[in-house]
Amino acid sequence: RNRLEGKVLETVGVFEAPKQHGKYETGQLFLHSVFGYRGIVLFPWQARLYDRDVASPVTEKSENAAGHGSKEVKGKTHTYYQVLIDARDCPHISQRSQTEAVTFLANHDDSRALYAIPGLDYVSHEDILPYSSTDQVPIQHELFERFLMYDQTKVPPFVARDTLCAWQEKNHPWLELSDVHRETTENIRVTVIPFYMGMREAQNSHVYWWRYCIRLENLDSEVVQLRERHWRIFSLSGTLETVRGRGVVGREPVLSKEQPAFQYSSHVSLQASSGHMWGTFRFERPDGSHFDVRIPPFSLESNKDEKTPPSGLHW
């Protein structure tokens, strides 16, 4: 098809061996192993991964917020990265992954006002396929030259500017990825990453906001489609809310062997400084039958000591 349209393939770079140990440095170019976009590493995060697919040495049953016994899951340290997505690739992945994975509360009193920084993502270590390039500006993104500069004496040859270090330090509480939760049901793996966004005062009460990023992956060859979501949201104030609806973010994504994953972000607010969320996604098979996929329970915790509002787009 490319030949018919008169298009030609061009060299992006040269693949490097993925790191089995250690972490990638700021400035590392990569292809995303699932979504296929070009990106560059800004900085790493050390997260606690709670993987319910891995047998835990702790076998005792414990009561969780969902009100039923569940195996206690021990968190393991895992490396994730804050990355820039190449703007040229965003249109091609928009059906499978939101490219606004980082959102902030706006800097004024309207607690519903949110804004997004486009083309930022969080990427797991195993999702990175590293490559090198001789191009001095290999990634097209409005923040690339604000955050990084070319230095041919370095490996990789892109180093952090002071603006990147200052931005990371200033927005650390709202960017930091601390906990990752993962569970697989009938070969559909759900990964959840919650982020605390801050607190706002509204009508003489405090409203606490979180965003959560969710990735759905089909580990099987059978085509399935997400049809419904069913959330339970427990607040420390004592309320339990149930949310049902069609699809997610207005979509009912199909997960196939060719396009096995879908990623999106959403937001939740509570009138308490902490809570829990859990639930299920209902999927449909080609024969019309349905099955429910568990969303691993995750905590909503606030950074109560943080007083300064975020400053996402102020340079």
Foldseek 3Di string as FASTA:
>chain_A
DCVVVVHDDDDLFFFDDADPDDADDFQWWWAFQAQGFTKTFHHKAWAWEFEPVDDDPQADWDQDPVGDTDGDTGTDIFMKTKMFTAPVCCVVRVQFEAQFPAKAQDPDQPRVDIDTDGRIDIGGSVRTGTGADPDQCSGDDPCQVVFWGAQPVDVVRIDGDVSSVVQCVQQVQQPHFYYWYWYWDPQKIKIKTKHWHDWHDDPNAIKTKMKMKIKIFRRDAFKKKWFKWWKWKFAPVGDIDIDIDTPPPPDTDIAHPVNGMHMDMDMDMDRHQKIKMWTWIWMAGPVGDIDITTGDMDMRHHPVVDDDGGDNPDD
